[in-house]
Amino acid sequence: MGFIYTQHAEGKLLRADIRKFGISKDILEKTVLTPDYKKNETPTGEQASISDLANYYIIRVVYDKLASDTKIITFYISKKGRYNTQ
């Protein structure tokens, strides 16, 4: 199984406000494969996984399972408590 990235996700990895958190493709892929919190489905049908980051932040990765790959659509960094992590 491989990972492919949308242009949107690739672009977010280059942003200065994202880079300050040390986000890399490895972190995104680890969040999909072994999230700290249960995976859930978005209102539009994609999957989402959440993992902890330092300093009370989490990363939420939105992705689609394809036939042989996983497509990373986007990701969000937010303070803990924004998304249900139960």
PDB file of N, CA and C in Angstrom:
ATOM      1  N   MET A   1       0.846  -1.183   0.000  1.00  0.00           N
ATOM      2  CA  MET A   1       0.000   0.000   0.000  1.00  0.00           C
ATOM      3  C   MET A   1       0.883   1.235   0.000  1.00  0.00           C
ATOM      4  N   GLY A   2       0.613   2.149  -0.901  1.00  0.00           N
ATOM      5  CA  GLY A   2       1.358   3.384  -0.972  1.00  0.00           C
ATOM      6  C   GLY A   2       0.480   4.576  -0.638  1.00  0.00           C
ATOM      7  N   PHE A   3       1.106   5.715  -0.588  1.00  0.00           N
ATOM      8  CA  PHE A   3       0.395   6.955  -0.304  1.00  0.00           C
ATOM      9  C   PHE A   3       0.563   7.907  -1.478  1.00  0.00           C
ATOM     10  N   ILE A   4      -0.517   8.559  -1.839  1.00  0.00           N
ATOM     11  CA  ILE A   4      -0.465   9.638  -2.811  1.00  0.00           C
ATOM     12  C   ILE A   4      -1.070  10.872  -2.143  1.00  0.00           C
ATOM     13  N   TYR A   5      -0.670  12.039  -2.613  1.00  0.00           N
ATOM     14  CA  TYR A   5      -1.069  13.297  -1.982  1.00  0.00           C
ATOM     15  C   TYR A   5      -1.737  14.201  -3.005  1.00  0.00           C
ATOM     16  N   THR A   6      -2.805  14.854  -2.568  1.00  0.00           N
ATOM     17  CA  THR A   6      -3.419  15.865  -3.429  1.00  0.00           C
ATOM     18  C   THR A   6      -2.474  17.069  -3.511  1.00  0.00           C
ATOM     19  N   GLN A   7      -2.676  17.875  -4.501  1.00  0.00           N
ATOM     20  CA  GLN A   7      -1.898  19.104  -4.638  1.00  0.00           C
ATOM     21  C   GLN A   7      -2.104  20.001  -3.413  1.00  0.00           C
ATOM     22  N   HIS A   8      -3.311  19.996  -2.902  1.00  0.00           N
ATOM     23  CA  HIS A   8      -3.631  20.788  -1.713  1.00  0.00           C
ATOM     24  C   HIS A   8      -2.777  20.351  -0.515  1.00  0.00           C
ATOM     25  N   ALA A   9      -2.718  19.041  -0.263  1.00  0.00           N
ATOM     26  CA  ALA A   9      -1.933  18.527   0.866  1.00  0.00           C
ATOM     27  C   ALA A   9      -0.448  18.817   0.677  1.00  0.00           C
ATOM     28  N   GLU A  10       0.049  18.632  -0.541  1.00  0.00           N
ATOM     29  CA  GLU A  10       1.465  18.927  -0.829  1.00  0.00           C
ATOM     30  C   GLU A  10       1.758  20.399  -0.550  1.00  0.00           C
ATOM     31  N   GLY A  11       0.847  21.276  -0.960  1.00  0.00           N
ATOM     32  CA  GLY A  11       1.034  22.703  -0.744  1.00  0.00           C
ATOM     33  C   GLY A  11       1.046  23.075   0.729  1.00  0.00           C
ATOM     34  N   LYS A  12       0.196  22.437   1.516  1.00  0.00           N
ATOM     35  CA  LYS A  12       0.158  22.734   2.954  1.00  0.00           C
ATOM     36  C   LYS A  12       1.468  22.359   3.635  1.00  0.00           C
ATOM     37  N   LEU A  13       2.111  21.290   3.165  1.00  0.00           N
ATOM     38  CA  LEU A  13       3.388  20.874   3.757  1.00  0.00           C
ATOM     39  C   LEU A  13       4.483  21.933   3.583  1.00  0.00           C
ATOM     40  N   LEU A  14       4.331  22.810   2.622  1.00  0.00           N
ATOM     41  CA  LEU A  14       5.333  23.849   2.340  1.00  0.00           C
ATOM     42  C   LEU A  14       5.103  25.145   3.105  1.00  0.00           C
ATOM     43  N   ARG A  15       3.934  25.299   3.715  1.00  0.00           N
ATOM     44  CA  ARG A  15       3.607  26.565   4.398  1.00  0.00           C
ATOM     45  C   ARG A  15       4.424  26.742   5.671  1.00  0.00           C
ATOM     46  N   ALA A  16       4.852  27.968   5.933  1.00  0.00           N
ATOM     47  CA  ALA A  16       5.667  28.272   7.112  1.00  0.00           C
ATOM     48  C   ALA A  16       4.926  27.981   8.412  1.00  0.00           C
ATOM     49  N   ASP A  17       3.631  28.283   8.463  1.00  0.00           N
ATOM     50  CA  ASP A  17       2.879  28.037   9.696  1.00  0.00           C
ATOM     51  C   ASP A  17       2.723  26.541   9.974  1.00  0.00           C
ATOM     52  N   ILE A  18       2.802  25.711   8.963  1.00  0.00           N
ATOM     53  CA  ILE A  18       2.747  24.260   9.134  1.00  0.00           C
ATOM     54  C   ILE A  18       4.134  23.724   9.479  1.00  0.00           C
ATOM     55  N   ARG A  19       5.156  24.238   8.819  1.00  0.00           N
ATOM     56  CA  ARG A  19       6.533  23.764   9.041  1.00  0.00           C
ATOM     57  C   ARG A  19       6.982  23.978  10.481  1.00  0.00           C
ATOM     58  N   LYS A  20       6.456  24.995  11.162  1.00  0.00           N
ATOM     59  CA  LYS A  20       6.890  25.244  12.544  1.00  0.00           C
ATOM     60  C   LYS A  20       6.500  24.096  13.477  1.00  0.00           C
ATOM     61  N   PHE A  21       5.532  23.259  13.064  1.00  0.00           N
ATOM     62  CA  PHE A  21       5.136  22.097  13.844  1.00  0.00           C
ATOM     63  C   PHE A  21       5.946  20.850  13.477  1.00  0.00           C
ATOM     64  N   GLY A  22       6.800  20.963  12.470  1.00  0.00           N
ATOM     65  CA  GLY A  22       7.620  19.828  12.062  1.00  0.00           C
ATOM     66  C   GLY A  22       6.845  18.738  11.336  1.00  0.00           C
ATOM     67  N   ILE A  23       5.774  19.120  10.667  1.00  0.00           N
ATOM     68  CA  ILE A  23       4.935  18.144   9.972  1.00  0.00           C
ATOM     69  C   ILE A  23       5.635  17.658   8.709  1.00  0.00           C
ATOM     70  N   SER A  24       5.624  16.351   8.529  1.00  0.00           N
ATOM     71  CA  SER A  24       6.224  15.727   7.340  1.00  0.00           C
ATOM     72  C   SER A  24       5.271  14.666   6.815  1.00  0.00           C
ATOM     73  N   LYS A  25       5.601  14.123   5.658  1.00  0.00           N
ATOM     74  CA  LYS A  25       4.791  13.037   5.109  1.00  0.00           C
ATOM     75  C   LYS A  25       4.817  11.832   6.043  1.00  0.00           C
ATOM     76  N   ASP A  26       5.945  11.593   6.686  1.00  0.00           N
ATOM     77  CA  ASP A  26       6.032  10.470   7.633  1.00  0.00           C
ATOM     78  C   ASP A  26       5.005  10.612   8.758  1.00  0.00           C
ATOM     79  N   ILE A  27       4.845  11.817   9.295  1.00  0.00           N
ATOM     80  CA  ILE A  27       3.876  12.046  10.368  1.00  0.00           C
ATOM     81  C   ILE A  27       2.452  11.838   9.853  1.00  0.00           C
ATOM     82  N   LEU A  28       2.162  12.323   8.654  1.00  0.00           N
ATOM     83  CA  LEU A  28       0.829  12.138   8.082  1.00  0.00           C
ATOM     84  C   LEU A  28       0.524  10.659   7.879  1.00  0.00           C
ATOM     85  N   GLU A  29       1.478   9.924   7.340  1.00  0.00           N
ATOM     86  CA  GLU A  29       1.272   8.503   7.070  1.00  0.00           C
ATOM     87  C   GLU A  29       1.140   7.708   8.368  1.00  0.00           C
ATOM     88  N   LYS A  30       1.926   8.055   9.383  1.00  0.00           N
ATOM     89  CA  LYS A  30       1.819   7.380  10.680  1.00  0.00           C
ATOM     90  C   LYS A  30       0.452   7.634  11.303  1.00  0.00           C
ATOM     91  N   THR A  31      -0.062   8.852  11.151  1.00  0.00           N
ATOM     92  CA  THR A  31      -1.384   9.185  11.690  1.00  0.00           C
ATOM     93  C   THR A  31      -2.470   8.354  11.019  1.00  0.00           C
ATOM     94  N   VAL A  32      -2.342   8.114   9.729  1.00  0.00           N
ATOM     95  CA  VAL A  32      -3.322   7.282   9.027  1.00  0.00           C
ATOM     96  C   VAL A  32      -3.216   5.827   9.482  1.00  0.00           C
ATOM     97  N   LEU A  33      -1.995   5.318   9.578  1.00  0.00           N
ATOM     98  CA  LEU A  33      -1.794   3.900   9.888  1.00  0.00           C
ATOM     99  C   LEU A  33      -2.002   3.560  11.360  1.00  0.00           C
ATOM    100  N   THR A  34      -1.512   4.423  12.248  1.00  0.00           N
ATOM    101  CA  THR A  34      -1.607   4.156  13.691  1.00  0.00           C
ATOM    102  C   THR A  34      -1.978   5.441  14.439  1.00  0.00           C
ATOM    103  N   PRO A  35      -3.227   5.861  14.320  1.00  0.00           N
ATOM    104  CA  PRO A  35      -3.653   7.104  14.976  1.00  0.00           C
ATOM    105  C   PRO A  35      -3.681   6.948  16.497  1.00  0.00           C
ATOM    106  N   ASP A  36      -3.543   8.070  17.190  1.00  0.00           N
ATOM    107  CA  ASP A  36      -3.670   8.065  18.648  1.00  0.00           C
ATOM    108  C   ASP A  36      -5.134   7.957  19.075  1.00  0.00           C
ATOM    109  N   TYR A  37      -6.032   8.378  18.200  1.00  0.00           N
ATOM    110  CA  TYR A  37      -7.459   8.334  18.489  1.00  0.00           C
ATOM    111  C   TYR A  37      -8.169   7.601  17.372  1.00  0.00           C
ATOM    112  N   LYS A  38      -9.347   7.114  17.664  1.00  0.00           N
ATOM    113  CA  LYS A  38     -10.061   6.291  16.690  1.00  0.00           C
ATOM    114  C   LYS A  38     -10.281   7.029  15.374  1.00  0.00           C
ATOM    115  N   LYS A  39     -10.311   6.246  14.330  1.00  0.00           N
ATOM    116  CA  LYS A  39     -10.603   6.796  13.013  1.00  0.00           C
ATOM    117  C   LYS A  39     -12.098   7.048  12.922  1.00  0.00           C
ATOM    118  N   ASN A  40     -12.478   8.038  12.149  1.00  0.00           N
ATOM    119  CA  ASN A  40     -13.893   8.290  11.943  1.00  0.00           C
ATOM    120  C   ASN A  40     -14.135   8.752  10.516  1.00  0.00           C
ATOM    121  N   GLU A  41     -15.385   8.849  10.149  1.00  0.00           N
ATOM    122  CA  GLU A  41     -15.745   9.269   8.809  1.00  0.00           C
ATOM    123  C   GLU A  41     -16.190  10.720   8.831  1.00  0.00           C
ATOM    124  N   THR A  42     -15.784  11.480   7.808  1.00  0.00           N
ATOM    125  CA  THR A  42     -16.201  12.871   7.702  1.00  0.00           C
ATOM    126  C   THR A  42     -17.635  12.922   7.182  1.00  0.00           C
ATOM    127  N   PRO A  43     -18.292  14.073   7.287  1.00  0.00           N
ATOM    128  CA  PRO A  43     -19.662  14.184   6.772  1.00  0.00           C
ATOM    129  C   PRO A  43     -19.778  13.897   5.267  1.00  0.00           C
ATOM    130  N   THR A  44     -18.671  14.049   4.526  1.00  0.00           N
ATOM    131  CA  THR A  44     -18.715  13.804   3.080  1.00  0.00           C
ATOM    132  C   THR A  44     -18.182  12.425   2.695  1.00  0.00           C
ATOM    133  N   GLY A  45     -17.902  11.567   3.678  1.00  0.00           N
ATOM    134  CA  GLY A  45     -17.560  10.184   3.398  1.00  0.00           C
ATOM    135  C   GLY A  45     -16.091   9.807   3.406  1.00  0.00           C
ATOM    136  N   GLU A  46     -15.197  10.768   3.567  1.00  0.00           N
ATOM    137  CA  GLU A  46     -13.779  10.438   3.660  1.00  0.00           C
ATOM    138  C   GLU A  46     -13.477   9.922   5.069  1.00  0.00           C
ATOM    139  N   GLN A  47     -12.305   9.355   5.243  1.00  0.00           N
ATOM    140  CA  GLN A  47     -11.862   8.892   6.548  1.00  0.00           C
ATOM    141  C   GLN A  47     -10.992   9.971   7.186  1.00  0.00           C
ATOM    142  N   ALA A  48     -10.946   9.990   8.511  1.00  0.00           N
ATOM    143  CA  ALA A  48     -10.101  10.945   9.233  1.00  0.00           C
ATOM    144  C   ALA A  48      -9.465  10.240  10.419  1.00  0.00           C
ATOM    145  N   SER A  49      -8.191  10.514  10.649  1.00  0.00           N
ATOM    146  CA  SER A  49      -7.456   9.982  11.790  1.00  0.00           C
ATOM    147  C   SER A  49      -6.801  11.134  12.530  1.00  0.00           C
ATOM    148  N   ILE A  50      -6.651  10.981  13.854  1.00  0.00           N
ATOM    149  CA  ILE A  50      -6.103  12.051  14.678  1.00  0.00           C
ATOM    150  C   ILE A  50      -4.960  11.517  15.537  1.00  0.00           C
ATOM    151  N   SER A  51      -3.876  12.306  15.598  1.00  0.00           N
ATOM    152  CA  SER A  51      -2.746  11.987  16.479  1.00  0.00           C
ATOM    153  C   SER A  51      -2.329  13.225  17.250  1.00  0.00           C
ATOM    154  N   ASP A  52      -1.697  12.987  18.392  1.00  0.00           N
ATOM    155  CA  ASP A  52      -1.199  14.079  19.226  1.00  0.00           C
ATOM    156  C   ASP A  52       0.062  14.700  18.646  1.00  0.00           C
ATOM    157  N   LEU A  53       0.163  16.004  18.828  1.00  0.00           N
ATOM    158  CA  LEU A  53       1.400  16.743  18.579  1.00  0.00           C
ATOM    159  C   LEU A  53       1.818  17.358  19.915  1.00  0.00           C
ATOM    160  N   ALA A  54       2.938  18.004  19.944  1.00  0.00           N
ATOM    161  CA  ALA A  54       3.401  18.638  21.178  1.00  0.00           C
ATOM    162  C   ALA A  54       2.564  19.872  21.522  1.00  0.00           C
ATOM    163  N   ASN A  55       2.630  20.265  22.775  1.00  0.00           N
ATOM    164  CA  ASN A  55       2.033  21.527  23.250  1.00  0.00           C
ATOM    165  C   ASN A  55       0.529  21.633  23.036  1.00  0.00           C
ATOM    166  N   TYR A  56      -0.192  20.572  23.377  1.00  0.00           N
ATOM    167  CA  TYR A  56      -1.658  20.607  23.352  1.00  0.00           C
ATOM    168  C   TYR A  56      -2.251  20.739  21.959  1.00  0.00           C
ATOM    169  N   TYR A  57      -1.542  20.287  20.948  1.00  0.00           N
ATOM    170  CA  TYR A  57      -2.051  20.317  19.581  1.00  0.00           C
ATOM    171  C   TYR A  57      -2.253  18.893  19.077  1.00  0.00           C
ATOM    172  N   ILE A  58      -3.141  18.762  18.110  1.00  0.00           N
ATOM    173  CA  ILE A  58      -3.361  17.493  17.429  1.00  0.00           C
ATOM    174  C   ILE A  58      -3.261  17.726  15.924  1.00  0.00           C
ATOM    175  N   ILE A  59      -3.078  16.643  15.195  1.00  0.00           N
ATOM    176  CA  ILE A  59      -3.146  16.700  13.734  1.00  0.00           C
ATOM    177  C   ILE A  59      -4.256  15.763  13.297  1.00  0.00           C
ATOM    178  N   ARG A  60      -5.105  16.243  12.412  1.00  0.00           N
ATOM    179  CA  ARG A  60      -6.203  15.455  11.857  1.00  0.00           C
ATOM    180  C   ARG A  60      -5.938  15.313  10.366  1.00  0.00           C
ATOM    181  N   VAL A  61      -5.833  14.076   9.906  1.00  0.00           N
ATOM    182  CA  VAL A  61      -5.540  13.785   8.510  1.00  0.00           C
ATOM    183  C   VAL A  61      -6.798  13.224   7.857  1.00  0.00           C
ATOM    184  N   VAL A  62      -7.209  13.834   6.757  1.00  0.00           N
ATOM    185  CA  VAL A  62      -8.376  13.389   5.997  1.00  0.00           C
ATOM    186  C   VAL A  62      -7.861  12.674   4.753  1.00  0.00           C
ATOM    187  N   TYR A  63      -8.387  11.456   4.516  1.00  0.00           N
ATOM    188  CA  TYR A  63      -7.868  10.639   3.424  1.00  0.00           C
ATOM    189  C   TYR A  63      -8.958   9.745   2.849  1.00  0.00           C
ATOM    190  N   ASP A  64      -8.668   9.183   1.689  1.00  0.00           N
ATOM    191  CA  ASP A  64      -9.539   8.217   1.019  1.00  0.00           C
ATOM    192  C   ASP A  64      -8.754   6.945   0.778  1.00  0.00           C
ATOM    193  N   LYS A  65      -9.385   5.812   1.006  1.00  0.00           N
ATOM    194  CA  LYS A  65      -8.784   4.520   0.663  1.00  0.00           C
ATOM    195  C   LYS A  65      -9.125   4.232  -0.787  1.00  0.00           C
ATOM    196  N   LEU A  66      -8.101   4.028  -1.598  1.00  0.00           N
ATOM    197  CA  LEU A  66      -8.297   3.659  -2.992  1.00  0.00           C
ATOM    198  C   LEU A  66      -8.015   2.167  -3.128  1.00  0.00           C
ATOM    199  N   ALA A  67      -8.087   1.640  -4.330  1.00  0.00           N
ATOM    200  CA  ALA A  67      -7.889   0.206  -4.544  1.00  0.00           C
ATOM    201  C   ALA A  67      -6.572  -0.289  -3.964  1.00  0.00           C
ATOM    202  N   SER A  68      -5.473   0.391  -4.266  1.00  0.00           N
ATOM    203  CA  SER A  68      -4.182  -0.087  -3.775  1.00  0.00           C
ATOM    204  C   SER A  68      -3.392   0.978  -3.023  1.00  0.00           C
ATOM    205  N   ASP A  69      -3.909   2.168  -2.935  1.00  0.00           N
ATOM    206  CA  ASP A  69      -3.193   3.273  -2.280  1.00  0.00           C
ATOM    207  C   ASP A  69      -4.127   4.013  -1.319  1.00  0.00           C
ATOM    208  N   THR A  70      -3.533   4.894  -0.547  1.00  0.00           N
ATOM    209  CA  THR A  70      -4.283   5.806   0.299  1.00  0.00           C
ATOM    210  C   THR A  70      -3.991   7.215  -0.180  1.00  0.00           C
ATOM    211  N   LYS A  71      -5.039   7.980  -0.442  1.00  0.00           N
ATOM    212  CA  LYS A  71      -4.887   9.353  -0.931  1.00  0.00           C
ATOM    213  C   LYS A  71      -5.067  10.316   0.233  1.00  0.00           C
ATOM    214  N   ILE A  72      -3.995  11.045   0.579  1.00  0.00           N
ATOM    215  CA  ILE A  72      -4.061  12.078   1.608  1.00  0.00           C
ATOM    216  C   ILE A  72      -4.683  13.312   0.958  1.00  0.00           C
ATOM    217  N   ILE A  73      -5.842  13.706   1.458  1.00  0.00           N
ATOM    218  CA  ILE A  73      -6.569  14.832   0.873  1.00  0.00           C
ATOM    219  C   ILE A  73      -6.138  16.148   1.506  1.00  0.00           C
ATOM    220  N   THR A  74      -6.147  16.196   2.828  1.00  0.00           N
ATOM    221  CA  THR A  74      -5.745  17.401   3.550  1.00  0.00           C
ATOM    222  C   THR A  74      -5.438  17.024   4.988  1.00  0.00           C
ATOM    223  N   PHE A  75      -4.975  17.987   5.751  1.00  0.00           N
ATOM    224  CA  PHE A  75      -4.740  17.779   7.178  1.00  0.00           C
ATOM    225  C   PHE A  75      -4.907  19.102   7.890  1.00  0.00           C
ATOM    226  N   TYR A  76      -5.225  19.002   9.170  1.00  0.00           N
ATOM    227  CA  TYR A  76      -5.467  20.186   9.997  1.00  0.00           C
ATOM    228  C   TYR A  76      -4.671  20.066  11.279  1.00  0.00           C
ATOM    229  N   ILE A  77      -4.104  21.152  11.715  1.00  0.00           N
ATOM    230  CA  ILE A  77      -3.476  21.222  13.031  1.00  0.00           C
ATOM    231  C   ILE A  77      -4.376  22.113  13.872  1.00  0.00           C
ATOM    232  N   SER A  78      -4.755  21.619  15.036  1.00  0.00           N
ATOM    233  CA  SER A  78      -5.609  22.425  15.909  1.00  0.00           C
ATOM    234  C   SER A  78      -5.325  22.086  17.363  1.00  0.00           C
ATOM    235  N   LYS A  79      -5.864  22.904  18.230  1.00  0.00           N
ATOM    236  CA  LYS A  79      -5.724  22.643  19.659  1.00  0.00           C
ATOM    237  C   LYS A  79      -6.595  21.452  20.038  1.00  0.00           C
ATOM    238  N   LYS A  80      -6.141  20.713  21.033  1.00  0.00           N
ATOM    239  CA  LYS A  80      -6.922  19.572  21.514  1.00  0.00           C
ATOM    240  C   LYS A  80      -8.300  20.062  21.936  1.00  0.00           C
ATOM    241  N   GLY A  81      -9.300  19.247  21.675  1.00  0.00           N
ATOM    242  CA  GLY A  81     -10.654  19.592  22.042  1.00  0.00           C
ATOM    243  C   GLY A  81     -11.502  20.050  20.878  1.00  0.00           C
ATOM    244  N   ARG A  82     -10.871  20.424  19.777  1.00  0.00           N
ATOM    245  CA  ARG A  82     -11.648  20.879  18.618  1.00  0.00           C
ATOM    246  C   ARG A  82     -12.407  19.725  17.983  1.00  0.00           C
ATOM    247  N   TYR A  83     -11.775  18.572  17.878  1.00  0.00           N
ATOM    248  CA  TYR A  83     -12.399  17.404  17.287  1.00  0.00           C
ATOM    249  C   TYR A  83     -12.626  16.348  18.348  1.00  0.00           C
ATOM    250  N   ASN A  84     -13.661  15.565  18.185  1.00  0.00           N
ATOM    251  CA  ASN A  84     -13.969  14.513  19.128  1.00  0.00           C
ATOM    252  C   ASN A  84     -12.882  13.433  19.077  1.00  0.00           C
ATOM    253  N   THR A  85     -12.172  13.264  20.164  1.00  0.00           N
ATOM    254  CA  THR A  85     -11.106  12.266  20.211  1.00  0.00           C
ATOM    255  C   THR A  85     -11.455  11.133  21.169  1.00  0.00           C
ATOM    256  N   GLN A  86     -12.718  10.927  21.412  1.00  0.00           N
ATOM    257  CA  GLN A  86     -13.149   9.848  22.303  1.00  0.00           C
ATOM    258  C   GLN A  86     -13.201   8.528  21.589  1.00  0.00           C
TER     259      GLN A  86
END
